[in-house]
N, C-alpha and C. Protein backbone atom coordinates (compact mmCIF):
# COMPACT_ATOMS: atom_id res chain seq x y z
N MET A 1 139.70 8.04 46.09
CA MET A 1 140.43 8.65 47.20
C MET A 1 140.47 7.69 48.40
N ALA A 2 139.34 7.08 48.71
CA ALA A 2 139.29 6.16 49.85
C ALA A 2 140.17 4.93 49.58
N ILE A 3 140.17 4.47 48.32
CA ILE A 3 140.97 3.30 47.96
C ILE A 3 142.46 3.62 48.15
N LEU A 4 142.85 4.84 47.77
CA LEU A 4 144.25 5.24 47.91
C LEU A 4 144.65 5.26 49.38
N LYS A 5 143.75 5.78 50.22
CA LYS A 5 144.02 5.83 51.66
C LYS A 5 144.18 4.42 52.21
N TYR A 6 143.30 3.52 51.78
CA TYR A 6 143.33 2.14 52.25
C TYR A 6 144.65 1.47 51.87
N LYS A 7 145.10 1.74 50.63
CA LYS A 7 146.35 1.12 50.16
C LYS A 7 147.53 1.64 50.96
N SER A 8 147.55 2.93 51.22
CA SER A 8 148.66 3.51 51.99
C SER A 8 148.67 2.93 53.40
N MET A 9 147.48 2.70 53.96
CA MET A 9 147.40 2.10 55.29
C MET A 9 147.96 0.68 55.26
N GLN A 10 147.63 -0.05 54.20
CA GLN A 10 148.14 -1.42 54.06
C GLN A 10 149.66 -1.43 53.99
N ILE A 11 150.21 -0.48 53.23
CA ILE A 11 151.68 -0.39 53.10
C ILE A 11 152.29 -0.11 54.46
N LEU A 12 151.64 0.79 55.23
CA LEU A 12 152.14 1.14 56.55
C LEU A 12 152.13 -0.09 57.46
N VAL A 13 151.04 -0.84 57.42
CA VAL A 13 150.92 -2.05 58.25
C VAL A 13 151.99 -3.06 57.85
N ASN A 14 152.21 -3.19 56.54
CA ASN A 14 153.23 -4.14 56.07
C ASN A 14 154.61 -3.74 56.56
N LYS A 15 154.88 -2.42 56.56
CA LYS A 15 156.18 -1.92 57.04
C LYS A 15 156.35 -2.26 58.51
N VAL A 16 155.31 -2.02 59.29
CA VAL A 16 155.38 -2.29 60.73
C VAL A 16 155.59 -3.79 60.97
N LYS A 17 154.86 -4.61 60.22
CA LYS A 17 155.01 -6.06 60.36
C LYS A 17 156.43 -6.48 60.03
N PHE A 18 156.97 -5.92 58.94
CA PHE A 18 158.33 -6.27 58.52
C PHE A 18 159.34 -5.88 59.59
N ILE A 19 159.17 -4.68 60.16
CA ILE A 19 160.08 -4.21 61.21
C ILE A 19 160.00 -5.13 62.43
N LEU A 20 158.78 -5.49 62.80
CA LEU A 20 158.59 -6.34 63.98
C LEU A 20 159.22 -7.72 63.75
N THR A 21 159.01 -8.30 62.59
CA THR A 21 159.56 -9.62 62.30
C THR A 21 161.08 -9.57 62.24
N SER A 22 161.63 -8.53 61.63
CA SER A 22 163.08 -8.42 61.54
C SER A 22 163.68 -8.23 62.94
N GLN A 23 163.01 -7.46 63.78
CA GLN A 23 163.49 -7.26 65.15
C GLN A 23 163.47 -8.57 65.92
N SER A 24 162.41 -9.34 65.77
CA SER A 24 162.30 -10.62 66.49
C SER A 24 163.39 -11.58 66.00
N GLN A 25 163.70 -11.52 64.71
CA GLN A 25 164.76 -12.38 64.17
C GLN A 25 166.11 -11.97 64.77
N VAL A 26 166.34 -10.68 64.88
CA VAL A 26 167.60 -10.18 65.46
C VAL A 26 167.69 -10.63 66.91
N ASN A 27 166.57 -10.55 67.62
CA ASN A 27 166.56 -10.98 69.03
C ASN A 27 166.91 -12.46 69.13
N LYS A 28 166.41 -13.26 68.20
CA LYS A 28 166.70 -14.69 68.21
C LYS A 28 168.20 -14.92 68.02
N PHE A 29 168.80 -14.13 67.13
CA PHE A 29 170.22 -14.30 66.85
C PHE A 29 171.07 -13.89 68.05
N THR A 30 170.64 -12.84 68.75
CA THR A 30 171.43 -12.34 69.88
C THR A 30 171.33 -13.29 71.07
N LEU A 31 170.21 -14.02 71.18
CA LEU A 31 170.02 -14.89 72.34
C LEU A 31 170.88 -16.15 72.29
């Protein structure tokens, strides 16, 4: 159960990282 929670947290962190990186890339293109 704890391992499953940890994995879901990792997925969430990866999603946030992906969103942040994609946003920064978009900002670079707009500038």
